[in-house]
Amino acid sequence: MAQPSSADERRRSLKPLRRLFPYITHYRTLVIGAVISLVIAAATTLALPLAVRRMIDHGFSSASTTFIAEYFAALVAMAAVLAAASAGRYYFVITLGERVVADLRNAVFTHVTELSPAFFDTAQSGEIVSRLAADTTQIKSAVGATASVALRNVLILIALIGLIVAASLGYGAMQMDS
């Protein structure tokens, strides 16, 4: 089996993304808004199945139909909160990505204009344009939607593991009581 080359390792490494932190931290308000929206969306995503379970477990056994109607209204409200939080996360993340890329393109352009004329004798103009356009667009994707979805999934995974452990401990306690 072939060993991965150092170029492959560099492509898979997240270390170069550390250089983006100064650009990202410049927009703390957007980052905070995205994190708050992300946490609300993740919590609501996790709460929806629990609410449905409670409605099924207790709603159909009760003689009162108001319990089901109230839970259904609560589910609709939770879905609205999830939609608003997801829209907020999307807005904050996309705006953050656009602003970071604009700042990054500005920094790269400023750097390119300060280079010596000898650099332009050896450099290919297509590569310079590619760095200004295509590479920064990939960074926008990493800073924006990709990082947001990955963070959301990690947060949900951690919370689900906690819920599984809590449910397991609760189930074990119920078995001991009976």
N, C-alpha and C. Protein backbone atom coordinates (compact mmCIF):
# COMPACT_ATOMS: atom_id res chain seq x y z
N MET A 1 0.85 -1.19 0.00
CA MET A 1 0.00 0.00 0.00
C MET A 1 0.89 1.24 0.00
N ALA A 2 0.60 2.19 -0.85
CA ALA A 2 1.43 3.38 -1.00
C ALA A 2 1.20 4.34 0.16
N GLN A 3 2.28 4.95 0.59
CA GLN A 3 2.22 5.95 1.65
C GLN A 3 1.75 7.27 1.05
N PRO A 4 0.93 8.01 1.80
CA PRO A 4 0.49 9.31 1.27
C PRO A 4 1.67 10.27 1.19
N SER A 5 1.70 11.03 0.10
CA SER A 5 2.78 12.00 -0.07
C SER A 5 2.56 13.20 0.83
N SER A 6 3.60 14.01 0.97
CA SER A 6 3.47 15.20 1.82
C SER A 6 2.46 16.19 1.22
N ALA A 7 2.31 16.18 -0.10
CA ALA A 7 1.31 17.05 -0.73
C ALA A 7 -0.10 16.60 -0.34
N ASP A 8 -0.33 15.26 -0.30
CA ASP A 8 -1.63 14.75 0.14
C ASP A 8 -1.90 15.10 1.59
N GLU A 9 -0.87 15.00 2.43
CA GLU A 9 -1.03 15.33 3.84
C GLU A 9 -1.36 16.80 4.02
N ARG A 10 -0.72 17.67 3.22
CA ARG A 10 -1.01 19.11 3.31
C ARG A 10 -2.44 19.40 2.89
N ARG A 11 -2.93 18.69 1.86
CA ARG A 11 -4.29 18.91 1.40
C ARG A 11 -5.32 18.50 2.46
N ARG A 12 -5.01 17.49 3.23
CA ARG A 12 -5.94 17.00 4.24
C ARG A 12 -5.78 17.70 5.57
N SER A 13 -4.73 18.43 5.77
CA SER A 13 -4.47 19.09 7.03
C SER A 13 -5.35 20.33 7.18
N LEU A 14 -5.79 20.56 8.40
CA LEU A 14 -6.59 21.75 8.69
C LEU A 14 -5.72 22.88 9.24
N LYS A 15 -4.44 22.63 9.40
CA LYS A 15 -3.54 23.65 9.97
C LYS A 15 -3.52 24.96 9.19
N PRO A 16 -3.55 24.94 7.86
CA PRO A 16 -3.56 26.22 7.14
C PRO A 16 -4.78 27.09 7.45
N LEU A 17 -5.87 26.46 7.89
CA LEU A 17 -7.07 27.23 8.20
C LEU A 17 -6.87 28.10 9.45
N ARG A 18 -5.87 27.77 10.26
CA ARG A 18 -5.58 28.60 11.44
C ARG A 18 -5.25 30.03 11.06
N ARG A 19 -4.69 30.20 9.89
CA ARG A 19 -4.32 31.55 9.45
C ARG A 19 -5.55 32.41 9.15
N LEU A 20 -6.72 31.79 9.10
CA LEU A 20 -7.95 32.53 8.86
C LEU A 20 -8.54 33.14 10.13
N PHE A 21 -8.09 32.68 11.31
CA PHE A 21 -8.67 33.16 12.56
C PHE A 21 -8.64 34.67 12.72
N PRO A 22 -7.56 35.37 12.34
CA PRO A 22 -7.62 36.83 12.45
C PRO A 22 -8.73 37.45 11.60
N TYR A 23 -8.98 36.86 10.45
CA TYR A 23 -10.05 37.38 9.58
C TYR A 23 -11.42 37.08 10.18
N ILE A 24 -11.56 35.89 10.76
CA ILE A 24 -12.85 35.48 11.34
C ILE A 24 -13.14 36.25 12.62
N THR A 25 -12.12 36.41 13.48
CA THR A 25 -12.35 37.08 14.76
C THR A 25 -12.64 38.56 14.58
N HIS A 26 -12.35 39.09 13.42
CA HIS A 26 -12.68 40.49 13.12
C HIS A 26 -14.19 40.70 13.11
N TYR A 27 -14.94 39.62 12.87
CA TYR A 27 -16.40 39.68 12.81
C TYR A 27 -17.00 38.88 13.96
N ARG A 28 -16.67 39.27 15.16
CA ARG A 28 -17.12 38.55 16.36
C ARG A 28 -18.64 38.49 16.46
N THR A 29 -19.32 39.56 16.10
CA THR A 29 -20.78 39.59 16.19
C THR A 29 -21.40 38.51 15.30
N LEU A 30 -20.89 38.37 14.10
CA LEU A 30 -21.40 37.33 13.20
C LEU A 30 -21.10 35.94 13.73
N VAL A 31 -19.91 35.75 14.28
CA VAL A 31 -19.53 34.45 14.84
C VAL A 31 -20.44 34.11 16.02
N ILE A 32 -20.66 35.07 16.90
CA ILE A 32 -21.53 34.84 18.07
C ILE A 32 -22.96 34.53 17.61
N GLY A 33 -23.46 35.29 16.64
CA GLY A 33 -24.80 35.02 16.10
C GLY A 33 -24.89 33.64 15.50
N ALA A 34 -23.85 33.22 14.77
CA ALA A 34 -23.86 31.89 14.16
C ALA A 34 -23.82 30.80 15.23
N VAL A 35 -23.01 30.98 16.25
CA VAL A 35 -22.91 29.97 17.32
C VAL A 35 -24.23 29.87 18.09
N ILE A 36 -24.82 31.01 18.42
CA ILE A 36 -26.11 30.99 19.14
C ILE A 36 -27.18 30.31 18.28
N SER A 37 -27.25 30.65 17.01
CA SER A 37 -28.22 30.03 16.11
C SER A 37 -27.95 28.53 15.99
N LEU A 38 -26.68 28.17 15.92
CA LEU A 38 -26.29 26.77 15.81
C LEU A 38 -26.72 25.98 17.04
N VAL A 39 -26.50 26.52 18.22
CA VAL A 39 -26.87 25.83 19.46
C VAL A 39 -28.39 25.69 19.56
N ILE A 40 -29.12 26.75 19.23
CA ILE A 40 -30.58 26.70 19.27
C ILE A 40 -31.11 25.66 18.27
N ALA A 41 -30.56 25.65 17.07
CA ALA A 41 -31.00 24.68 16.06
C ALA A 41 -30.69 23.26 16.49
N ALA A 42 -29.50 23.04 17.04
CA ALA A 42 -29.12 21.69 17.49
C ALA A 42 -30.00 21.24 18.64
N ALA A 43 -30.25 22.12 19.60
CA ALA A 43 -31.09 21.76 20.75
C ALA A 43 -32.52 21.46 20.30
N THR A 44 -33.03 22.25 19.38
CA THR A 44 -34.39 22.01 18.88
C THR A 44 -34.45 20.72 18.08
N THR A 45 -33.43 20.44 17.31
CA THR A 45 -33.38 19.19 16.55
C THR A 45 -33.42 17.99 17.48
N LEU A 46 -32.72 18.10 18.60
CA LEU A 46 -32.71 17.01 19.57
C LEU A 46 -34.02 16.94 20.36
N ALA A 47 -34.66 18.06 20.59
CA ALA A 47 -35.88 18.09 21.40
C ALA A 47 -37.10 17.58 20.63
N LEU A 48 -37.12 17.74 19.33
CA LEU A 48 -38.28 17.32 18.55
C LEU A 48 -38.63 15.84 18.73
N PRO A 49 -37.67 14.91 18.59
CA PRO A 49 -38.03 13.50 18.79
C PRO A 49 -38.48 13.20 20.22
N LEU A 50 -37.88 13.88 21.19
CA LEU A 50 -38.29 13.67 22.58
C LEU A 50 -39.73 14.13 22.79
N ALA A 51 -40.09 15.24 22.20
CA ALA A 51 -41.46 15.74 22.33
C ALA A 51 -42.44 14.81 21.63
N VAL A 52 -42.08 14.29 20.48
CA VAL A 52 -42.96 13.35 19.77
C VAL A 52 -43.13 12.08 20.61
N ARG A 53 -42.02 11.60 21.18
CA ARG A 53 -42.09 10.41 22.03
C ARG A 53 -43.03 10.64 23.21
N ARG A 54 -42.89 11.79 23.85
CA ARG A 54 -43.75 12.08 25.01
C ARG A 54 -45.21 12.17 24.59
N MET A 55 -45.45 12.78 23.43
CA MET A 55 -46.83 12.88 22.96
C MET A 55 -47.41 11.49 22.69
N ILE A 56 -46.63 10.62 22.07
CA ILE A 56 -47.11 9.27 21.77
C ILE A 56 -47.28 8.46 23.06
N ASP A 57 -46.30 8.55 23.96
CA ASP A 57 -46.36 7.78 25.21
C ASP A 57 -47.52 8.20 26.10
N HIS A 58 -47.76 9.50 26.21
CA HIS A 58 -48.74 9.99 27.18
C HIS A 58 -50.03 10.52 26.54
N GLY A 59 -49.95 10.96 25.32
CA GLY A 59 -51.10 11.61 24.71
C GLY A 59 -52.21 10.67 24.33
N PHE A 60 -51.84 9.51 23.80
CA PHE A 60 -52.86 8.59 23.34
C PHE A 60 -53.45 7.78 24.49
N SER A 61 -52.76 7.70 25.62
CA SER A 61 -53.30 6.96 26.76
C SER A 61 -54.24 7.83 27.59
N SER A 62 -54.14 9.14 27.42
CA SER A 62 -54.98 10.04 28.19
C SER A 62 -56.35 10.16 27.54
N ALA A 63 -57.35 10.35 28.38
CA ALA A 63 -58.72 10.49 27.87
C ALA A 63 -58.95 11.86 27.25
N SER A 64 -58.12 12.83 27.63
CA SER A 64 -58.30 14.20 27.16
C SER A 64 -57.59 14.40 25.82
N THR A 65 -58.28 14.98 24.88
CA THR A 65 -57.67 15.28 23.58
C THR A 65 -56.91 16.60 23.60
N THR A 66 -57.09 17.38 24.66
CA THR A 66 -56.37 18.66 24.72
C THR A 66 -54.88 18.44 24.87
N PHE A 67 -54.47 17.32 25.50
CA PHE A 67 -53.05 17.02 25.66
C PHE A 67 -52.38 16.90 24.29
N ILE A 68 -53.01 16.16 23.38
CA ILE A 68 -52.46 15.98 22.03
C ILE A 68 -52.46 17.31 21.28
N ALA A 69 -53.52 18.07 21.40
CA ALA A 69 -53.59 19.37 20.71
C ALA A 69 -52.52 20.31 21.23
N GLU A 70 -52.29 20.32 22.54
CA GLU A 70 -51.24 21.19 23.11
C GLU A 70 -49.86 20.74 22.65
N TYR A 71 -49.61 19.44 22.64
CA TYR A 71 -48.31 18.95 22.19
C TYR A 71 -48.11 19.20 20.71
N PHE A 72 -49.17 19.05 19.92
CA PHE A 72 -49.06 19.33 18.50
C PHE A 72 -48.71 20.81 18.28
N ALA A 73 -49.36 21.68 19.04
CA ALA A 73 -49.04 23.12 18.94
C ALA A 73 -47.60 23.37 19.37
N ALA A 74 -47.14 22.66 20.39
CA ALA A 74 -45.75 22.81 20.84
C ALA A 74 -44.78 22.32 19.76
N LEU A 75 -45.13 21.23 19.07
CA LEU A 75 -44.29 20.72 17.98
C LEU A 75 -44.21 21.71 16.83
N VAL A 76 -45.32 22.33 16.51
CA VAL A 76 -45.34 23.34 15.45
C VAL A 76 -44.45 24.52 15.86
N ALA A 77 -44.56 24.94 17.13
CA ALA A 77 -43.72 26.03 17.62
C ALA A 77 -42.25 25.64 17.58
N MET A 78 -41.93 24.39 17.95
CA MET A 78 -40.54 23.93 17.90
C MET A 78 -40.02 23.92 16.47
N ALA A 79 -40.87 23.51 15.54
CA ALA A 79 -40.47 23.51 14.12
C ALA A 79 -40.21 24.93 13.65
N ALA A 80 -41.01 25.89 14.11
CA ALA A 80 -40.80 27.30 13.75
C ALA A 80 -39.49 27.82 14.34
N VAL A 81 -39.20 27.43 15.57
CA VAL A 81 -37.93 27.83 16.20
C VAL A 81 -36.76 27.23 15.44
N LEU A 82 -36.88 25.96 15.07
CA LEU A 82 -35.82 25.30 14.30
C LEU A 82 -35.61 26.00 12.95
N ALA A 83 -36.69 26.35 12.29
CA ALA A 83 -36.58 27.03 10.99
C ALA A 83 -35.93 28.40 11.16
N ALA A 84 -36.34 29.15 12.18
CA ALA A 84 -35.75 30.47 12.41
C ALA A 84 -34.28 30.36 12.78
N ALA A 85 -33.93 29.40 13.63
CA ALA A 85 -32.53 29.23 14.03
C ALA A 85 -31.68 28.78 12.84
N SER A 86 -32.20 27.89 12.03
CA SER A 86 -31.46 27.43 10.85
C SER A 86 -31.27 28.57 9.85
N ALA A 87 -32.31 29.38 9.66
CA ALA A 87 -32.19 30.54 8.76
C ALA A 87 -31.18 31.54 9.32
N GLY A 88 -31.21 31.77 10.62
CA GLY A 88 -30.26 32.67 11.25
C GLY A 88 -28.83 32.17 11.10
N ARG A 89 -28.64 30.87 11.35
CA ARG A 89 -27.30 30.28 11.19
C ARG A 89 -26.82 30.44 9.76
N TYR A 90 -27.69 30.14 8.81
CA TYR A 90 -27.33 30.27 7.40
C TYR A 90 -26.94 31.72 7.07
N TYR A 91 -27.75 32.68 7.53
CA TYR A 91 -27.46 34.09 7.27
C TYR A 91 -26.10 34.47 7.85
N PHE A 92 -25.89 34.16 9.13
CA PHE A 92 -24.63 34.56 9.78
C PHE A 92 -23.43 33.90 9.14
N VAL A 93 -23.55 32.62 8.82
CA VAL A 93 -22.41 31.88 8.26
C VAL A 93 -22.09 32.36 6.85
N ILE A 94 -23.11 32.55 6.04
CA ILE A 94 -22.87 33.01 4.66
C ILE A 94 -22.30 34.44 4.67
N THR A 95 -22.85 35.30 5.51
CA THR A 95 -22.34 36.67 5.60
C THR A 95 -20.90 36.67 6.09
N LEU A 96 -20.62 35.85 7.10
CA LEU A 96 -19.25 35.74 7.60
C LEU A 96 -18.31 35.26 6.51
N GLY A 97 -18.71 34.22 5.78
CA GLY A 97 -17.88 33.71 4.69
C GLY A 97 -17.61 34.75 3.62
N GLU A 98 -18.62 35.50 3.25
CA GLU A 98 -18.45 36.54 2.22
C GLU A 98 -17.49 37.64 2.70
N ARG A 99 -17.64 38.05 3.94
CA ARG A 99 -16.79 39.13 4.46
C ARG A 99 -15.35 38.67 4.64
N VAL A 100 -15.16 37.45 5.12
CA VAL A 100 -13.80 36.92 5.28
C VAL A 100 -13.13 36.81 3.92
N VAL A 101 -13.85 36.31 2.93
CA VAL A 101 -13.27 36.18 1.59
C VAL A 101 -12.95 37.55 1.00
N ALA A 102 -13.81 38.53 1.21
CA ALA A 102 -13.54 39.88 0.71
C ALA A 102 -12.27 40.44 1.36
N ASP A 103 -12.13 40.26 2.67
CA ASP A 103 -10.93 40.72 3.36
C ASP A 103 -9.69 39.97 2.89
N LEU A 104 -9.84 38.68 2.69
CA LEU A 104 -8.72 37.86 2.23
C LEU A 104 -8.29 38.24 0.82
N ARG A 105 -9.26 38.46 -0.05
CA ARG A 105 -8.92 38.89 -1.41
C ARG A 105 -8.24 40.25 -1.39
N ASN A 106 -8.70 41.13 -0.53
CA ASN A 106 -8.06 42.43 -0.38
C ASN A 106 -6.61 42.28 0.07
N ALA A 107 -6.38 41.42 1.06
CA ALA A 107 -5.03 41.20 1.58
C ALA A 107 -4.12 40.58 0.51
N VAL A 108 -4.65 39.61 -0.24
CA VAL A 108 -3.85 38.98 -1.29
C VAL A 108 -3.54 40.00 -2.40
N PHE A 109 -4.55 40.79 -2.78
CA PHE A 109 -4.33 41.79 -3.82
C PHE A 109 -3.28 42.81 -3.37
N THR A 110 -3.39 43.27 -2.14
CA THR A 110 -2.41 44.22 -1.61
C THR A 110 -1.02 43.61 -1.63
N HIS A 111 -0.93 42.34 -1.22
CA HIS A 111 0.38 41.67 -1.21
C HIS A 111 0.94 41.55 -2.64
N VAL A 112 0.08 41.19 -3.59
CA VAL A 112 0.54 41.02 -4.98
C VAL A 112 1.02 42.35 -5.55
N THR A 113 0.33 43.43 -5.23
CA THR A 113 0.75 44.73 -5.78
C THR A 113 2.05 45.22 -5.16
N GLU A 114 2.41 44.70 -4.00
CA GLU A 114 3.66 45.10 -3.35
C GLU A 114 4.85 44.23 -3.74
N LEU A 115 4.63 43.18 -4.55
CA LEU A 115 5.71 42.30 -4.95
C LEU A 115 6.61 42.99 -5.98
N SER A 116 7.83 42.51 -6.04
CA SER A 116 8.79 43.12 -6.97
C SER A 116 8.46 42.72 -8.41
N PRO A 117 8.89 43.54 -9.37
CA PRO A 117 8.65 43.20 -10.78
C PRO A 117 9.29 41.87 -11.18
N ALA A 118 10.35 41.47 -10.50
CA ALA A 118 11.00 40.19 -10.82
C ALA A 118 10.05 39.01 -10.56
N PHE A 119 9.18 39.13 -9.58
CA PHE A 119 8.21 38.07 -9.30
C PHE A 119 7.32 37.83 -10.51
N PHE A 120 6.90 38.90 -11.17
CA PHE A 120 5.98 38.77 -12.29
C PHE A 120 6.66 38.25 -13.55
N ASP A 121 8.00 38.28 -13.58
CA ASP A 121 8.72 37.69 -14.70
C ASP A 121 8.65 36.16 -14.64
N THR A 122 8.59 35.60 -13.43
CA THR A 122 8.59 34.15 -13.28
C THR A 122 7.20 33.57 -13.00
N ALA A 123 6.35 34.35 -12.41
CA ALA A 123 5.02 33.85 -12.03
C ALA A 123 4.09 33.83 -13.24
N GLN A 124 3.19 32.87 -13.24
CA GLN A 124 2.20 32.78 -14.30
C GLN A 124 0.98 33.58 -13.88
N SER A 125 0.50 34.42 -14.80
CA SER A 125 -0.62 35.29 -14.46
C SER A 125 -1.88 34.50 -14.13
N GLY A 126 -2.07 33.35 -14.77
CA GLY A 126 -3.25 32.52 -14.49
C GLY A 126 -3.26 32.01 -13.06
N GLU A 127 -2.09 31.67 -12.54
CA GLU A 127 -2.00 31.19 -11.16
C GLU A 127 -2.33 32.31 -10.17
N ILE A 128 -1.89 33.51 -10.46
CA ILE A 128 -2.19 34.65 -9.58
C ILE A 128 -3.69 34.92 -9.57
N VAL A 129 -4.31 34.90 -10.74
CA VAL A 129 -5.75 35.12 -10.82
C VAL A 129 -6.50 33.99 -10.11
N SER A 130 -6.00 32.77 -10.24
CA SER A 130 -6.62 31.64 -9.58
C SER A 130 -6.57 31.80 -8.06
N ARG A 131 -5.46 32.29 -7.56
CA ARG A 131 -5.34 32.51 -6.10
C ARG A 131 -6.33 33.58 -5.64
N LEU A 132 -6.53 34.58 -6.45
CA LEU A 132 -7.47 35.64 -6.08
C LEU A 132 -8.92 35.21 -6.17
N ALA A 133 -9.24 34.33 -7.11
CA ALA A 133 -10.64 33.99 -7.34
C ALA A 133 -11.01 32.61 -6.79
N ALA A 134 -10.48 31.57 -7.41
CA ALA A 134 -10.93 30.21 -7.10
C ALA A 134 -10.54 29.77 -5.69
N ASP A 135 -9.31 30.03 -5.28
CA ASP A 135 -8.87 29.57 -3.96
C ASP A 135 -9.63 30.25 -2.84
N THR A 136 -9.90 31.52 -2.99
CA THR A 136 -10.65 32.23 -1.95
C THR A 136 -12.10 31.77 -1.90
N THR A 137 -12.63 31.34 -3.04
CA THR A 137 -13.99 30.80 -3.04
C THR A 137 -14.05 29.49 -2.27
N GLN A 138 -13.01 28.67 -2.39
CA GLN A 138 -12.95 27.43 -1.61
C GLN A 138 -12.84 27.75 -0.12
N ILE A 139 -12.12 28.78 0.21
CA ILE A 139 -12.01 29.19 1.61
C ILE A 139 -13.37 29.65 2.12
N LYS A 140 -14.11 30.36 1.27
CA LYS A 140 -15.46 30.80 1.66
C LYS A 140 -16.33 29.60 2.00
N SER A 141 -16.20 28.55 1.22
CA SER A 141 -16.97 27.34 1.47
C SER A 141 -16.55 26.71 2.80
N ALA A 142 -15.25 26.69 3.08
CA ALA A 142 -14.77 26.11 4.33
C ALA A 142 -15.19 26.93 5.53
N VAL A 143 -15.08 28.25 5.42
CA VAL A 143 -15.45 29.13 6.53
C VAL A 143 -16.96 29.14 6.69
N GLY A 144 -17.66 29.06 5.59
CA GLY A 144 -19.11 29.20 5.62
C GLY A 144 -19.82 27.91 5.92
N ALA A 145 -20.50 27.39 4.95
CA ALA A 145 -21.45 26.30 5.14
C ALA A 145 -20.79 25.01 5.62
N THR A 146 -19.64 24.65 5.10
CA THR A 146 -19.01 23.38 5.47
C THR A 146 -18.67 23.33 6.95
N ALA A 147 -18.04 24.37 7.45
CA ALA A 147 -17.69 24.40 8.88
C ALA A 147 -18.93 24.42 9.74
N SER A 148 -19.95 25.13 9.32
CA SER A 148 -21.18 25.22 10.09
C SER A 148 -21.88 23.87 10.19
N VAL A 149 -21.98 23.17 9.08
CA VAL A 149 -22.63 21.85 9.08
C VAL A 149 -21.81 20.86 9.90
N ALA A 150 -20.50 20.90 9.75
CA ALA A 150 -19.65 19.99 10.53
C ALA A 150 -19.78 20.27 12.03
N LEU A 151 -19.78 21.53 12.40
CA LEU A 151 -19.91 21.89 13.81
C LEU A 151 -21.28 21.49 14.35
N ARG A 152 -22.32 21.69 13.55
CA ARG A 152 -23.66 21.29 13.97
C ARG A 152 -23.73 19.78 14.20
N ASN A 153 -23.16 19.02 13.29
CA ASN A 153 -23.19 17.57 13.40
C ASN A 153 -22.39 17.08 14.61
N VAL A 154 -21.25 17.69 14.88
CA VAL A 154 -20.46 17.32 16.06
C VAL A 154 -21.23 17.64 17.33
N LEU A 155 -21.84 18.80 17.37
CA LEU A 155 -22.63 19.21 18.53
C LEU A 155 -23.81 18.26 18.76
N ILE A 156 -24.50 17.90 17.70
CA ILE A 156 -25.61 16.96 17.81
C ILE A 156 -25.11 15.58 18.24
N LEU A 157 -23.98 15.13 17.71
CA LEU A 157 -23.42 13.84 18.10
C LEU A 157 -23.10 13.80 19.59
N ILE A 158 -22.46 14.84 20.10
CA ILE A 158 -22.12 14.89 21.52
C ILE A 158 -23.39 14.89 22.37
N ALA A 159 -24.37 15.69 21.97
CA ALA A 159 -25.62 15.74 22.72
C ALA A 159 -26.35 14.40 22.66
N LEU A 160 -26.34 13.74 21.50
CA LEU A 160 -27.00 12.44 21.38
C LEU A 160 -26.33 11.39 22.25
N ILE A 161 -25.02 11.41 22.30
CA ILE A 161 -24.30 10.48 23.18
C ILE A 161 -24.71 10.74 24.63
N GLY A 162 -24.80 12.02 25.00
CA GLY A 162 -25.27 12.36 26.35
C GLY A 162 -26.69 11.87 26.61
N LEU A 163 -27.57 12.04 25.62
CA LEU A 163 -28.95 11.56 25.76
C LEU A 163 -29.02 10.04 25.87
N ILE A 164 -28.19 9.36 25.09
CA ILE A 164 -28.17 7.89 25.14
C ILE A 164 -27.69 7.42 26.51
N VAL A 165 -26.66 8.05 27.03
CA VAL A 165 -26.15 7.70 28.36
C VAL A 165 -27.21 7.99 29.41
N ALA A 166 -27.85 9.15 29.32
CA ALA A 166 -28.89 9.51 30.29
C ALA A 166 -30.07 8.54 30.20
N ALA A 167 -30.47 8.19 28.99
CA ALA A 167 -31.58 7.26 28.83
C ALA A 167 -31.20 5.87 29.34
N SER A 168 -29.97 5.48 29.10
CA SER A 168 -29.50 4.19 29.57
C SER A 168 -29.48 4.14 31.09
N LEU A 169 -28.98 5.19 31.70
CA LEU A 169 -28.94 5.25 33.17
C LEU A 169 -30.36 5.31 33.73
N GLY A 170 -31.22 6.06 33.08
CA GLY A 170 -32.62 6.14 33.50
C GLY A 170 -33.32 4.81 33.35
N TYR A 171 -33.04 4.10 32.28
CA TYR A 171 -33.66 2.80 32.05
C TYR A 171 -33.17 1.81 33.09
N GLY A 172 -31.86 1.85 33.40
CA GLY A 172 -31.31 0.97 34.42
C GLY A 172 -31.91 1.24 35.78
N ALA A 173 -32.13 2.51 36.08
CA ALA A 173 -32.74 2.88 37.37
C ALA A 173 -34.18 2.38 37.42
N MET A 174 -34.90 2.45 36.28
CA MET A 174 -36.28 1.97 36.24
C MET A 174 -36.32 0.46 36.44
N GLN A 175 -35.34 -0.27 35.90
CA GLN A 175 -35.28 -1.72 36.06
C GLN A 175 -35.02 -2.10 37.51
N MET A 176 -34.19 -1.31 38.20
CA MET A 176 -33.86 -1.59 39.60
C MET A 176 -35.07 -1.31 40.50
N ASP A 177 -35.89 -0.32 40.13
CA ASP A 177 -37.05 0.03 40.94
C ASP A 177 -38.13 -1.04 40.86
N SER A 178 -38.21 -1.76 39.75
CA SER A 178 -39.30 -2.70 39.62
C SER A 178 -38.99 -4.06 40.21
